[in-house]
Amino acid sequence: MKITRNASLKPYNTFGIDVSCKHLILVESNSDIQKLFEDKVFDSEYMTIGDGSNLLFTRPFQGTIIKMVTKGIEKVDENAEFVWLKVMAGEKWEDFVRYCIKNQYFGVENLIGIPGLAGSSPVQNIGAYGAEVKDVIEEVCGWQISTKIPFSYKNADCCFGYRSSIFKTELKGDCLITEAVFKLSKKEAYNLSYKGLADELQKENIPLSLQRVADAVMAVRNSKLPDIRHYGCAGSFFKNPIVEKDVFDTLILKFPRLISYPAGDGKVKLAAGQLIDLAGMKGVRDGNVGVWPHQALVIVNYGNATGHDVVTFYRKVQKKVVEQFDIQLEPEVNIL
């Protein structure tokens, strides 16, 4: 376990916001967790983070930031059709996906390129290109902080929803995830439900393979999304809004090209990026903050933006969408 006082959090959030915290603790082993309780770390202000890929800091954090950096991927079960992998919370999500591709395990290839850690993936129920991590999670393990008791939640217990889970709602801020078990297929199976991905794969007459699909996903991502090594961002800044069917029926008369998806219970999901584009905000820049020109869902820190700069700008985007569609976009990013 490594502890740093007055640590800069700039390397620990993908927006690249330069704020500090009182203490930064890097947890290198699950055995360190008991010491966190013994040292009463959780008795004062604290926050657990992954790679900071879904955070926007607007101020210094006057408490302790706890980050899992544990590593390891272990095969815990296997049969003719499936393999079960236990992945430590500190494993880079990208490294885990590439491990699965190398070993011909199917199910997470559409999620390649998503920043963050394996232990963070259930919290947000990360998703992209027609796939969500809930489709391959078998179990999530960790400690409930308020009770100091370890937990093991099966998939159904996690209450997964669109970009949500029990770890983001009922148990928000009260869990330290230590590992997750993923159930992956050993039999060839691809999810090509996302039209942009299917179109990319049709460009070349090459047989499908895990690597081919992953390469196509990265081609689509790179054509739309900024490289976080050069531009600060947190991926999709807004959730895709879900509206009542009668609201959609009214909108589609005025905007016949609206992208939509069934959302159950008579509701319809709209594409937030398209709404931002139609509201005239795609590519708009205000100082060091702007909407990425190639993907309107992404708000970018072009230089030395503060968290307040980003907040001011995203509210401007919200206002434009409300004026055009009477729909309030909800941030997907956690704002602190």
C-alpha atoms as a PDB file:
ATOM      1  CA  MET A   1       0.000   0.000   0.000  1.00  0.00           C
ATOM      2  CA  LYS A   2       1.414   3.385  -1.015  1.00  0.00           C
ATOM      3  CA  ILE A   3       0.271   6.619   0.643  1.00  0.00           C
ATOM      4  CA  THR A   4       1.015  10.085  -0.742  1.00  0.00           C
ATOM      5  CA  ARG A   5       0.091  13.353   0.992  1.00  0.00           C
ATOM      6  CA  ASN A   6      -1.214  16.344  -0.973  1.00  0.00           C
ATOM      7  CA  ALA A   7      -1.085  14.348  -4.204  1.00  0.00           C
ATOM      8  CA  SER A   8      -1.961  15.849  -7.565  1.00  0.00           C
ATOM      9  CA  LEU A   9      -4.903  14.053  -9.159  1.00  0.00           C
ATOM     10  CA  LYS A  10      -4.077  15.171 -12.693  1.00  0.00           C
ATOM     11  CA  PRO A  11      -2.611  11.732 -13.589  1.00  0.00           C
ATOM     12  CA  TYR A  12      -5.632  10.030 -12.035  1.00  0.00           C
ATOM     13  CA  ASN A  13      -8.465  11.535 -14.090  1.00  0.00           C
ATOM     14  CA  THR A  14      -8.748  11.332 -17.862  1.00  0.00           C
ATOM     15  CA  PHE A  15     -10.141  14.872 -18.084  1.00  0.00           C
ATOM     16  CA  GLY A  16      -6.701  15.990 -16.909  1.00  0.00           C
ATOM     17  CA  ILE A  17      -8.072  18.378 -14.297  1.00  0.00           C
ATOM     18  CA  ASP A  18      -5.259  19.514 -12.018  1.00  0.00           C
ATOM     19  CA  VAL A  19      -6.579  19.336  -8.464  1.00  0.00           C
ATOM     20  CA  SER A  20      -5.112  17.745  -5.349  1.00  0.00           C
ATOM     21  CA  CYS A  21      -6.297  15.454  -2.579  1.00  0.00           C
ATOM     22  CA  LYS A  22      -5.261  15.300   1.074  1.00  0.00           C
ATOM     23  CA  HIS A  23      -4.106  11.682   0.792  1.00  0.00           C
ATOM     24  CA  LEU A  24      -3.809   9.259  -2.111  1.00  0.00           C
ATOM     25  CA  ILE A  25      -3.723   5.545  -1.248  1.00  0.00           C
ATOM     26  CA  LEU A  26      -2.779   2.957  -3.863  1.00  0.00           C
ATOM     27  CA  VAL A  27      -4.001  -0.477  -2.727  1.00  0.00           C
ATOM     28  CA  GLU A  28      -1.566  -3.094  -4.053  1.00  0.00           C
ATOM     29  CA  SER A  29      -3.029  -6.183  -2.380  1.00  0.00           C
ATOM     30  CA  ASN A  30      -6.455  -7.232  -1.109  1.00  0.00           C
ATOM     31  CA  SER A  31      -4.792  -7.850   2.244  1.00  0.00           C
ATOM     32  CA  ASP A  32      -4.240  -4.069   2.484  1.00  0.00           C
ATOM     33  CA  ILE A  33      -7.979  -3.500   2.823  1.00  0.00           C
ATOM     34  CA  GLN A  34      -8.169  -4.731   6.401  1.00  0.00           C
ATOM     35  CA  LYS A  35      -5.490  -2.190   7.307  1.00  0.00           C
ATOM     36  CA  LEU A  36      -7.614   0.571   5.796  1.00  0.00           C
ATOM     37  CA  PHE A  37     -10.313  -0.306   8.311  1.00  0.00           C
ATOM     38  CA  GLU A  38      -7.809  -0.608  11.155  1.00  0.00           C
ATOM     39  CA  ASP A  39      -6.373   2.822  10.321  1.00  0.00           C
ATOM     40  CA  LYS A  40      -9.920   4.271  10.231  1.00  0.00           C
ATOM     41  CA  VAL A  41      -9.364   5.642   6.722  1.00  0.00           C
ATOM     42  CA  PHE A  42     -13.097   5.496   6.054  1.00  0.00           C
ATOM     43  CA  ASP A  43     -14.013   7.476   9.172  1.00  0.00           C
ATOM     44  CA  SER A  44     -13.278  10.752   7.371  1.00  0.00           C
ATOM     45  CA  GLU A  45     -13.992  11.952   3.836  1.00  0.00           C
ATOM     46  CA  TYR A  46     -12.906   9.437   1.185  1.00  0.00           C
ATOM     47  CA  MET A  47     -13.579   8.358  -2.375  1.00  0.00           C
ATOM     48  CA  THR A  48     -12.677   5.228  -4.295  1.00  0.00           C
ATOM     49  CA  ILE A  49     -11.676   5.629  -7.950  1.00  0.00           C
ATOM     50  CA  GLY A  50     -10.685   3.450 -10.869  1.00  0.00           C
ATOM     51  CA  ASP A  51      -8.786   5.217 -13.643  1.00  0.00           C
ATOM     52  CA  GLY A  52     -10.771   8.404 -13.187  1.00  0.00           C
ATOM     53  CA  SER A  53     -12.292   7.929 -16.647  1.00  0.00           C
ATOM     54  CA  ASN A  54     -15.761   8.945 -15.498  1.00  0.00           C
ATOM     55  CA  LEU A  55     -14.895  11.810 -13.141  1.00  0.00           C
ATOM     56  CA  LEU A  56     -14.882  15.576 -13.374  1.00  0.00           C
ATOM     57  CA  PHE A  57     -13.180  17.313 -10.457  1.00  0.00           C
ATOM     58  CA  THR A  58     -14.318  20.893  -9.865  1.00  0.00           C
ATOM     59  CA  ARG A  59     -12.347  21.448  -6.644  1.00  0.00           C
ATOM     60  CA  PRO A  60      -9.532  19.944  -4.572  1.00  0.00           C
ATOM     61  CA  PHE A  61     -10.659  16.842  -2.686  1.00  0.00           C
ATOM     62  CA  GLN A  62     -10.280  17.452   1.043  1.00  0.00           C
ATOM     63  CA  GLY A  63     -10.054  13.787   1.929  1.00  0.00           C
ATOM     64  CA  THR A  64      -8.541  10.457   0.910  1.00  0.00           C
ATOM     65  CA  ILE A  65      -8.621   9.018  -2.604  1.00  0.00           C
ATOM     66  CA  ILE A  66      -8.358   5.207  -2.679  1.00  0.00           C
ATOM     67  CA  LYS A  67      -7.331   3.486  -5.896  1.00  0.00           C
ATOM     68  CA  MET A  68      -7.048  -0.275  -6.423  1.00  0.00           C
ATOM     69  CA  VAL A  69      -3.900  -1.212  -8.346  1.00  0.00           C
ATOM     70  CA  THR A  70      -4.114  -4.975  -7.769  1.00  0.00           C
ATOM     71  CA  LYS A  71      -3.243  -7.135 -10.769  1.00  0.00           C
ATOM     72  CA  GLY A  72      -4.093 -10.634 -11.934  1.00  0.00           C
ATOM     73  CA  ILE A  73      -6.306 -12.678 -14.276  1.00  0.00           C
ATOM     74  CA  GLU A  74      -7.126 -16.213 -13.129  1.00  0.00           C
ATOM     75  CA  LYS A  75      -9.159 -18.961 -14.807  1.00  0.00           C
ATOM     76  CA  VAL A  76     -11.501 -20.226 -12.070  1.00  0.00           C
ATOM     77  CA  ASP A  77     -13.728 -22.579 -14.090  1.00  0.00           C
ATOM     78  CA  GLU A  78     -14.191 -23.917 -17.582  1.00  0.00           C
ATOM     79  CA  ASN A  79     -16.345 -26.259 -19.614  1.00  0.00           C
ATOM     80  CA  ALA A  80     -16.736 -27.022 -23.297  1.00  0.00           C
ATOM     81  CA  GLU A  81     -18.615 -23.811 -23.982  1.00  0.00           C
ATOM     82  CA  PHE A  82     -17.565 -21.208 -21.411  1.00  0.00           C
ATOM     83  CA  VAL A  83     -14.636 -20.004 -19.349  1.00  0.00           C
ATOM     84  CA  TRP A  84     -14.834 -18.073 -16.077  1.00  0.00           C
ATOM     85  CA  LEU A  85     -12.083 -15.539 -15.379  1.00  0.00           C
ATOM     86  CA  LYS A  86     -11.480 -13.783 -12.057  1.00  0.00           C
ATOM     87  CA  VAL A  87      -9.967 -10.389 -12.755  1.00  0.00           C
ATOM     88  CA  MET A  88      -8.439  -8.210 -10.061  1.00  0.00           C
ATOM     89  CA  ALA A  89      -9.873  -4.709  -9.745  1.00  0.00           C
ATOM     90  CA  GLY A  90      -6.667  -2.904 -10.707  1.00  0.00           C
ATOM     91  CA  GLU A  91      -6.267  -4.612 -14.081  1.00  0.00           C
ATOM     92  CA  LYS A  92      -6.543  -2.197 -16.985  1.00  0.00           C
ATOM     93  CA  TRP A  93      -9.766  -2.928 -18.872  1.00  0.00           C
ATOM     94  CA  GLU A  94      -7.890  -2.688 -22.171  1.00  0.00           C
ATOM     95  CA  ASP A  95      -5.349  -5.303 -21.019  1.00  0.00           C
ATOM     96  CA  PHE A  96      -8.138  -7.669 -19.990  1.00  0.00           C
ATOM     97  CA  VAL A  97      -9.891  -7.345 -23.355  1.00  0.00           C
ATOM     98  CA  ARG A  98      -6.651  -8.020 -25.203  1.00  0.00           C
ATOM     99  CA  TYR A  99      -6.036 -11.060 -22.970  1.00  0.00           C
ATOM    100  CA  CYS A 100      -9.447 -12.420 -24.010  1.00  0.00           C
ATOM    101  CA  ILE A 101      -8.761 -11.795 -27.690  1.00  0.00           C
ATOM    102  CA  LYS A 102      -5.385 -13.532 -27.460  1.00  0.00           C
ATOM    103  CA  ASN A 103      -6.954 -16.570 -25.788  1.00  0.00           C
ATOM    104  CA  GLN A 104     -10.005 -16.677 -28.090  1.00  0.00           C
ATOM    105  CA  TYR A 105     -12.587 -15.865 -25.429  1.00  0.00           C
ATOM    106  CA  PHE A 106     -15.634 -14.152 -26.895  1.00  0.00           C
ATOM    107  CA  GLY A 107     -17.799 -11.471 -25.314  1.00  0.00           C
ATOM    108  CA  VAL A 108     -15.781  -8.321 -24.567  1.00  0.00           C
ATOM    109  CA  GLU A 109     -14.205  -7.540 -27.951  1.00  0.00           C
ATOM    110  CA  ASN A 110     -16.797  -4.818 -28.688  1.00  0.00           C
ATOM    111  CA  LEU A 111     -15.675  -3.068 -25.486  1.00  0.00           C
ATOM    112  CA  ILE A 112     -12.050  -2.678 -26.526  1.00  0.00           C
ATOM    113  CA  GLY A 113     -10.686   0.840 -26.232  1.00  0.00           C
ATOM    114  CA  ILE A 114     -12.812   1.845 -23.251  1.00  0.00           C
ATOM    115  CA  PRO A 115     -10.557   3.477 -20.645  1.00  0.00           C
ATOM    116  CA  GLY A 116     -10.685   2.400 -17.025  1.00  0.00           C
ATOM    117  CA  LEU A 117     -10.109  -0.603 -14.809  1.00  0.00           C
ATOM    118  CA  ALA A 118     -11.756  -4.012 -14.662  1.00  0.00           C
ATOM    119  CA  GLY A 119     -13.012  -3.292 -11.150  1.00  0.00           C
ATOM    120  CA  SER A 120     -14.750  -0.124 -12.326  1.00  0.00           C
ATOM    121  CA  SER A 121     -16.532  -1.756 -15.252  1.00  0.00           C
ATOM    122  CA  PRO A 122     -19.534  -3.067 -13.251  1.00  0.00           C
ATOM    123  CA  VAL A 123     -20.150   0.274 -11.525  1.00  0.00           C
ATOM    124  CA  GLN A 124     -20.974   2.090 -14.740  1.00  0.00           C
ATOM    125  CA  ASN A 125     -22.088  -1.033 -16.622  1.00  0.00           C
ATOM    126  CA  ILE A 126     -19.777   0.109 -19.401  1.00  0.00           C
ATOM    127  CA  GLY A 127     -21.049  -0.400 -22.913  1.00  0.00           C
ATOM    128  CA  ALA A 128     -20.258   0.312 -26.547  1.00  0.00           C
ATOM    129  CA  TYR A 129     -21.169  -0.833 -30.051  1.00  0.00           C
ATOM    130  CA  GLY A 130     -24.152  -2.961 -29.018  1.00  0.00           C
ATOM    131  CA  ALA A 131     -22.515  -4.650 -26.007  1.00  0.00           C
ATOM    132  CA  GLU A 132     -22.629  -4.056 -22.247  1.00  0.00           C
ATOM    133  CA  VAL A 133     -20.411  -5.536 -19.568  1.00  0.00           C
ATOM    134  CA  LYS A 134     -23.456  -6.850 -17.676  1.00  0.00           C
ATOM    135  CA  ASP A 135     -23.789  -9.470 -20.414  1.00  0.00           C
ATOM    136  CA  VAL A 136     -20.548 -11.151 -19.335  1.00  0.00           C
ATOM    137  CA  ILE A 137     -20.309 -10.463 -15.589  1.00  0.00           C
ATOM    138  CA  GLU A 138     -20.950 -13.475 -13.399  1.00  0.00           C
ATOM    139  CA  GLU A 139     -20.018 -12.057 -10.008  1.00  0.00           C
ATOM    140  CA  VAL A 140     -18.622  -8.923  -8.359  1.00  0.00           C
ATOM    141  CA  CYS A 141     -16.692  -9.157  -5.074  1.00  0.00           C
ATOM    142  CA  GLY A 142     -15.439  -6.601  -2.607  1.00  0.00           C
ATOM    143  CA  TRP A 143     -16.055  -4.973   0.765  1.00  0.00           C
ATOM    144  CA  GLN A 144     -19.019  -2.930   1.933  1.00  0.00           C
ATOM    145  CA  ILE A 145     -17.372  -0.049   3.735  1.00  0.00           C
ATOM    146  CA  SER A 146     -20.139   0.870   6.186  1.00  0.00           C
ATOM    147  CA  THR A 147     -20.449  -2.685   7.534  1.00  0.00           C
ATOM    148  CA  LYS A 148     -16.794  -3.739   7.079  1.00  0.00           C
ATOM    149  CA  ILE A 149     -18.131  -7.002   5.638  1.00  0.00           C
ATOM    150  CA  PRO A 150     -16.999  -8.586   2.355  1.00  0.00           C
ATOM    151  CA  PHE A 151     -19.665  -9.119  -0.315  1.00  0.00           C
ATOM    152  CA  SER A 152     -20.140 -11.320  -3.349  1.00  0.00           C
ATOM    153  CA  TYR A 153     -22.919 -10.210  -5.692  1.00  0.00           C
ATOM    154  CA  LYS A 154     -24.124 -12.403  -8.518  1.00  0.00           C
ATOM    155  CA  ASN A 155     -25.144 -10.735 -11.770  1.00  0.00           C
ATOM    156  CA  ALA A 156     -28.811 -10.435 -10.797  1.00  0.00           C
ATOM    157  CA  ASP A 157     -27.875  -8.833  -7.462  1.00  0.00           C
ATOM    158  CA  CYS A 158     -26.004  -6.023  -9.214  1.00  0.00           C
ATOM    159  CA  CYS A 159     -29.220  -4.382 -10.515  1.00  0.00           C
ATOM    160  CA  PHE A 160     -27.606  -3.525 -13.830  1.00  0.00           C
ATOM    161  CA  GLY A 161     -29.274  -0.858 -15.942  1.00  0.00           C
ATOM    162  CA  TYR A 162     -28.280   1.551 -18.670  1.00  0.00           C
ATOM    163  CA  ARG A 163     -24.895   2.922 -17.478  1.00  0.00           C
ATOM    164  CA  SER A 164     -25.874   1.994 -13.955  1.00  0.00           C
ATOM    165  CA  SER A 165     -25.687  -0.656 -11.238  1.00  0.00           C
ATOM    166  CA  ILE A 166     -26.293  -1.081  -7.529  1.00  0.00           C
ATOM    167  CA  PHE A 167     -22.739   0.220  -7.000  1.00  0.00           C
ATOM    168  CA  LYS A 168     -23.767   3.531  -8.567  1.00  0.00           C
ATOM    169  CA  THR A 169     -27.155   3.807  -6.872  1.00  0.00           C
ATOM    170  CA  GLU A 170     -28.034   2.093  -3.589  1.00  0.00           C
ATOM    171  CA  LEU A 171     -24.414   1.333  -2.643  1.00  0.00           C
ATOM    172  CA  LYS A 172     -22.779   4.395  -4.177  1.00  0.00           C
ATOM    173  CA  GLY A 173     -19.624   5.304  -2.268  1.00  0.00           C
ATOM    174  CA  ASP A 174     -20.027   2.345   0.076  1.00  0.00           C
ATOM    175  CA  CYS A 175     -18.169  -0.353  -1.833  1.00  0.00           C
ATOM    176  CA  LEU A 176     -14.566  -1.229  -2.499  1.00  0.00           C
ATOM    177  CA  ILE A 177     -14.607  -3.694  -5.401  1.00  0.00           C
ATOM    178  CA  THR A 178     -11.697  -6.141  -5.290  1.00  0.00           C
ATOM    179  CA  GLU A 179     -12.401  -8.411  -8.269  1.00  0.00           C
ATOM    180  CA  ALA A 180     -14.993  -9.463 -10.805  1.00  0.00           C
ATOM    181  CA  VAL A 181     -15.663 -12.826 -12.425  1.00  0.00           C
ATOM    182  CA  PHE A 182     -16.451 -12.788 -16.139  1.00  0.00           C
ATOM    183  CA  LYS A 183     -18.180 -15.599 -18.039  1.00  0.00           C
ATOM    184  CA  LEU A 184     -16.951 -15.684 -21.636  1.00  0.00           C
ATOM    185  CA  SER A 185     -17.788 -17.926 -24.563  1.00  0.00           C
ATOM    186  CA  LYS A 186     -15.216 -20.299 -26.029  1.00  0.00           C
ATOM    187  CA  LYS A 187     -17.419 -20.756 -29.085  1.00  0.00           C
ATOM    188  CA  GLU A 188     -17.254 -18.287 -31.938  1.00  0.00           C
ATOM    189  CA  ALA A 189     -19.961 -15.638 -31.517  1.00  0.00           C
ATOM    190  CA  TYR A 190     -20.014 -11.989 -32.557  1.00  0.00           C
ATOM    191  CA  ASN A 191     -22.275  -9.086 -31.685  1.00  0.00           C
ATOM    192  CA  LEU A 192     -22.663  -7.023 -34.865  1.00  0.00           C
ATOM    193  CA  SER A 193     -25.909  -5.297 -33.901  1.00  0.00           C
ATOM    194  CA  TYR A 194     -24.312  -1.852 -34.066  1.00  0.00           C
ATOM    195  CA  LYS A 195     -24.680  -0.665 -37.660  1.00  0.00           C
ATOM    196  CA  GLY A 196     -21.459   1.351 -37.722  1.00  0.00           C
ATOM    197  CA  LEU A 197     -19.459  -1.704 -36.673  1.00  0.00           C
ATOM    198  CA  ALA A 198     -21.172  -3.957 -39.216  1.00  0.00           C
ATOM    199  CA  ASP A 199     -20.514  -1.384 -41.947  1.00  0.00           C
ATOM    200  CA  GLU A 200     -16.833  -1.162 -40.996  1.00  0.00           C
ATOM    201  CA  LEU A 201     -16.461  -4.946 -41.185  1.00  0.00           C
ATOM    202  CA  GLN A 202     -17.984  -4.990 -44.667  1.00  0.00           C
ATOM    203  CA  LYS A 203     -15.296  -2.683 -46.053  1.00  0.00           C
ATOM    204  CA  GLU A 204     -12.893  -5.583 -46.511  1.00  0.00           C
ATOM    205  CA  ASN A 205     -13.732  -9.115 -47.552  1.00  0.00           C
ATOM    206  CA  ILE A 206     -11.877 -10.721 -44.646  1.00  0.00           C
ATOM    207  CA  PRO A 207     -13.264 -13.601 -42.536  1.00  0.00           C
ATOM    208  CA  LEU A 208     -14.498 -12.609 -39.103  1.00  0.00           C
ATOM    209  CA  SER A 209     -12.248 -13.191 -36.140  1.00  0.00           C
ATOM    210  CA  LEU A 210     -11.910 -11.719 -32.663  1.00  0.00           C
ATOM    211  CA  GLN A 211      -8.970  -9.619 -33.779  1.00  0.00           C
ATOM    212  CA  ARG A 212     -10.803  -8.492 -36.920  1.00  0.00           C
ATOM    213  CA  VAL A 213     -13.821  -7.350 -34.892  1.00  0.00           C
ATOM    214  CA  ALA A 214     -11.601  -5.630 -32.324  1.00  0.00           C
ATOM    215  CA  ASP A 215      -9.703  -3.825 -35.086  1.00  0.00           C
ATOM    216  CA  ALA A 216     -12.994  -2.686 -36.601  1.00  0.00           C
ATOM    217  CA  VAL A 217     -14.198  -1.407 -33.215  1.00  0.00           C
ATOM    218  CA  MET A 218     -10.979   0.572 -32.807  1.00  0.00           C
ATOM    219  CA  ALA A 219     -11.302   1.970 -36.329  1.00  0.00           C
ATOM    220  CA  VAL A 220     -14.809   3.215 -35.532  1.00  0.00           C
ATOM    221  CA  ARG A 221     -13.693   4.580 -32.141  1.00  0.00           C
ATOM    222  CA  ASN A 222     -10.664   6.363 -33.561  1.00  0.00           C
ATOM    223  CA  SER A 223     -12.757   7.966 -36.291  1.00  0.00           C
ATOM    224  CA  LYS A 224     -15.041   9.517 -33.678  1.00  0.00           C
ATOM    225  CA  LEU A 225     -13.282   9.805 -30.335  1.00  0.00           C
ATOM    226  CA  PRO A 226     -10.262  11.831 -29.181  1.00  0.00           C
ATOM    227  CA  ASP A 227      -7.055  10.188 -28.020  1.00  0.00           C
ATOM    228  CA  ILE A 228      -7.052  10.737 -24.245  1.00  0.00           C
ATOM    229  CA  ARG A 229      -3.251  10.814 -24.319  1.00  0.00           C
ATOM    230  CA  HIS A 230      -3.562  14.192 -26.045  1.00  0.00           C
ATOM    231  CA  TYR A 231      -7.031  15.503 -25.175  1.00  0.00           C
ATOM    232  CA  GLY A 232      -8.644  15.375 -21.767  1.00  0.00           C
ATOM    233  CA  CYS A 233     -12.127  13.864 -21.764  1.00  0.00           C
ATOM    234  CA  ALA A 234     -14.261  11.240 -20.071  1.00  0.00           C
ATOM    235  CA  GLY A 235     -15.724   9.584 -23.151  1.00  0.00           C
ATOM    236  CA  SER A 236     -19.467  10.069 -23.507  1.00  0.00           C
ATOM    237  CA  PHE A 237     -20.338  13.028 -21.315  1.00  0.00           C
ATOM    238  CA  PHE A 238     -24.116  12.641 -21.508  1.00  0.00           C
ATOM    239  CA  LYS A 239     -26.472   9.684 -21.214  1.00  0.00           C
ATOM    240  CA  ASN A 240     -28.770   8.922 -24.114  1.00  0.00           C
ATOM    241  CA  PRO A 241     -32.152  10.263 -22.949  1.00  0.00           C
ATOM    242  CA  ILE A 242     -35.179   8.017 -22.610  1.00  0.00           C
ATOM    243  CA  VAL A 243     -38.549   9.617 -23.363  1.00  0.00           C
ATOM    244  CA  GLU A 244     -42.188   8.560 -23.341  1.00  0.00           C
ATOM    245  CA  LYS A 245     -43.581   7.248 -26.619  1.00  0.00           C
ATOM    246  CA  ASP A 246     -45.956  10.188 -27.031  1.00  0.00           C
ATOM    247  CA  VAL A 247     -43.043  12.623 -26.648  1.00  0.00           C
ATOM    248  CA  PHE A 248     -41.134  10.736 -29.320  1.00  0.00           C
ATOM    249  CA  ASP A 249     -44.170  10.674 -31.646  1.00  0.00           C
ATOM    250  CA  THR A 250     -44.336  14.473 -31.444  1.00  0.00           C
ATOM    251  CA  LEU A 251     -40.595  14.908 -32.007  1.00  0.00           C
ATOM    252  CA  ILE A 252     -40.401  12.558 -34.982  1.00  0.00           C
ATOM    253  CA  LEU A 253     -42.969  14.654 -36.860  1.00  0.00           C
ATOM    254  CA  LYS A 254     -40.682  17.667 -36.614  1.00  0.00           C
ATOM    255  CA  PHE A 255     -37.368  15.781 -36.870  1.00  0.00           C
ATOM    256  CA  PRO A 256     -38.055  12.712 -39.061  1.00  0.00           C
ATOM    257  CA  ARG A 257     -34.417  11.551 -39.051  1.00  0.00           C
ATOM    258  CA  LEU A 258     -34.160  11.165 -35.286  1.00  0.00           C
ATOM    259  CA  ILE A 259     -32.259   8.042 -34.261  1.00  0.00           C
ATOM    260  CA  SER A 260     -34.245   5.962 -31.771  1.00  0.00           C
ATOM    261  CA  TYR A 261     -34.220   2.612 -29.991  1.00  0.00           C
ATOM    262  CA  PRO A 262     -36.944   0.800 -28.038  1.00  0.00           C
ATOM    263  CA  ALA A 263     -36.360   1.258 -24.294  1.00  0.00           C
ATOM    264  CA  GLY A 264     -39.132  -0.964 -22.893  1.00  0.00           C
ATOM    265  CA  ASP A 265     -42.294  -0.008 -21.028  1.00  0.00           C
ATOM    266  CA  GLY A 266     -43.463   1.996 -24.006  1.00  0.00           C
ATOM    267  CA  LYS A 267     -40.460   4.302 -23.859  1.00  0.00           C
ATOM    268  CA  VAL A 268     -37.922   5.312 -26.506  1.00  0.00           C
ATOM    269  CA  LYS A 269     -34.188   5.994 -26.219  1.00  0.00           C
ATOM    270  CA  LEU A 270     -32.787   8.849 -28.298  1.00  0.00           C
ATOM    271  CA  ALA A 271     -29.197   9.509 -29.367  1.00  0.00           C
ATOM    272  CA  ALA A 272     -27.834  12.360 -27.234  1.00  0.00           C
ATOM    273  CA  GLY A 273     -25.026  12.982 -29.703  1.00  0.00           C
ATOM    274  CA  GLN A 274     -27.495  13.563 -32.521  1.00  0.00           C
ATOM    275  CA  LEU A 275     -29.550  15.950 -30.383  1.00  0.00           C
ATOM    276  CA  ILE A 276     -26.404  17.964 -29.562  1.00  0.00           C
ATOM    277  CA  ASP A 277     -25.458  18.001 -33.240  1.00  0.00           C
ATOM    278  CA  LEU A 278     -28.930  19.165 -34.323  1.00  0.00           C
ATOM    279  CA  ALA A 279     -28.837  21.824 -31.607  1.00  0.00           C
ATOM    280  CA  GLY A 280     -25.770  23.262 -33.353  1.00  0.00           C
ATOM    281  CA  MET A 281     -23.199  22.433 -30.671  1.00  0.00           C
ATOM    282  CA  LYS A 282     -21.071  19.790 -32.409  1.00  0.00           C
ATOM    283  CA  GLY A 283     -17.527  21.128 -32.791  1.00  0.00           C
ATOM    284  CA  VAL A 284     -18.277  24.286 -30.806  1.00  0.00           C
ATOM    285  CA  ARG A 285     -15.351  25.413 -28.659  1.00  0.00           C
ATOM    286  CA  ASP A 286     -15.207  27.958 -25.866  1.00  0.00           C
ATOM    287  CA  GLY A 287     -11.635  28.610 -24.767  1.00  0.00           C
ATOM    288  CA  ASN A 288     -10.088  25.376 -23.522  1.00  0.00           C
ATOM    289  CA  VAL A 289     -13.376  23.408 -23.602  1.00  0.00           C
ATOM    290  CA  GLY A 290     -15.429  22.183 -26.523  1.00  0.00           C
ATOM    291  CA  VAL A 291     -17.574  19.496 -28.107  1.00  0.00           C
ATOM    292  CA  TRP A 292     -15.394  17.108 -30.097  1.00  0.00           C
ATOM    293  CA  PRO A 293     -15.924  17.755 -33.837  1.00  0.00           C
ATOM    294  CA  HIS A 294     -16.266  14.056 -34.688  1.00  0.00           C
ATOM    295  CA  GLN A 295     -18.527  12.935 -31.820  1.00  0.00           C
ATOM    296  CA  ALA A 296     -20.952  15.339 -30.209  1.00  0.00           C
ATOM    297  CA  LEU A 297     -21.281  13.210 -27.069  1.00  0.00           C
ATOM    298  CA  VAL A 298     -17.729  14.036 -26.063  1.00  0.00           C
ATOM    299  CA  ILE A 299     -16.698  17.206 -24.243  1.00  0.00           C
ATOM    300  CA  VAL A 300     -12.970  17.869 -24.455  1.00  0.00           C
ATOM    301  CA  ASN A 301     -10.389  19.668 -22.343  1.00  0.00           C
ATOM    302  CA  TYR A 302      -8.201  21.144 -25.088  1.00  0.00           C
ATOM    303  CA  GLY A 303      -5.649  22.570 -22.701  1.00  0.00           C
ATOM    304  CA  ASN A 304      -5.684  23.776 -19.133  1.00  0.00           C
ATOM    305  CA  ALA A 305      -9.432  23.865 -18.491  1.00  0.00           C
ATOM    306  CA  THR A 306     -10.668  23.793 -14.924  1.00  0.00           C
ATOM    307  CA  GLY A 307     -13.549  21.674 -13.748  1.00  0.00           C
ATOM    308  CA  HIS A 308     -15.649  24.830 -13.500  1.00  0.00           C
ATOM    309  CA  ASP A 309     -14.870  25.624 -17.149  1.00  0.00           C
ATOM    310  CA  VAL A 310     -16.226  22.221 -18.164  1.00  0.00           C
ATOM    311  CA  VAL A 311     -19.342  22.603 -16.002  1.00  0.00           C
ATOM    312  CA  THR A 312     -20.111  26.031 -17.473  1.00  0.00           C
ATOM    313  CA  PHE A 313     -19.722  24.640 -20.972  1.00  0.00           C
ATOM    314  CA  TYR A 314     -21.757  21.454 -20.513  1.00  0.00           C
ATOM    315  CA  ARG A 315     -24.632  23.510 -19.080  1.00  0.00           C
ATOM    316  CA  LYS A 316     -24.519  25.606 -22.238  1.00  0.00           C
ATOM    317  CA  VAL A 317     -24.892  22.390 -24.263  1.00  0.00           C
ATOM    318  CA  GLN A 318     -27.811  21.294 -22.079  1.00  0.00           C
ATOM    319  CA  LYS A 319     -29.539  24.641 -22.565  1.00  0.00           C
ATOM    320  CA  LYS A 320     -29.257  24.444 -26.349  1.00  0.00           C
ATOM    321  CA  VAL A 321     -30.785  20.942 -26.406  1.00  0.00           C
ATOM    322  CA  VAL A 322     -33.635  22.007 -24.128  1.00  0.00           C
ATOM    323  CA  GLU A 323     -34.367  24.977 -26.371  1.00  0.00           C
ATOM    324  CA  GLN A 324     -34.455  22.760 -29.456  1.00  0.00           C
ATOM    325  CA  PHE A 325     -36.133  19.592 -28.156  1.00  0.00           C
ATOM    326  CA  ASP A 326     -37.391  20.312 -24.618  1.00  0.00           C
ATOM    327  CA  ILE A 327     -35.209  17.407 -23.417  1.00  0.00           C
ATOM    328  CA  GLN A 328     -32.832  17.722 -20.476  1.00  0.00           C
ATOM    329  CA  LEU A 329     -29.644  15.756 -21.060  1.00  0.00           C
ATOM    330  CA  GLU A 330     -28.230  14.081 -17.950  1.00  0.00           C
ATOM    331  CA  PRO A 331     -24.453  13.868 -17.465  1.00  0.00           C
ATOM    332  CA  GLU A 332     -23.015  10.375 -17.492  1.00  0.00           C
ATOM    333  CA  VAL A 333     -19.883  11.720 -15.800  1.00  0.00           C
ATOM    334  CA  ASN A 334     -19.656  11.975 -12.004  1.00  0.00           C
ATOM    335  CA  ILE A 335     -19.107  15.628 -11.138  1.00  0.00           C
ATOM    336  CA  LEU A 336     -17.364  16.432  -7.857  1.00  0.00           C
END
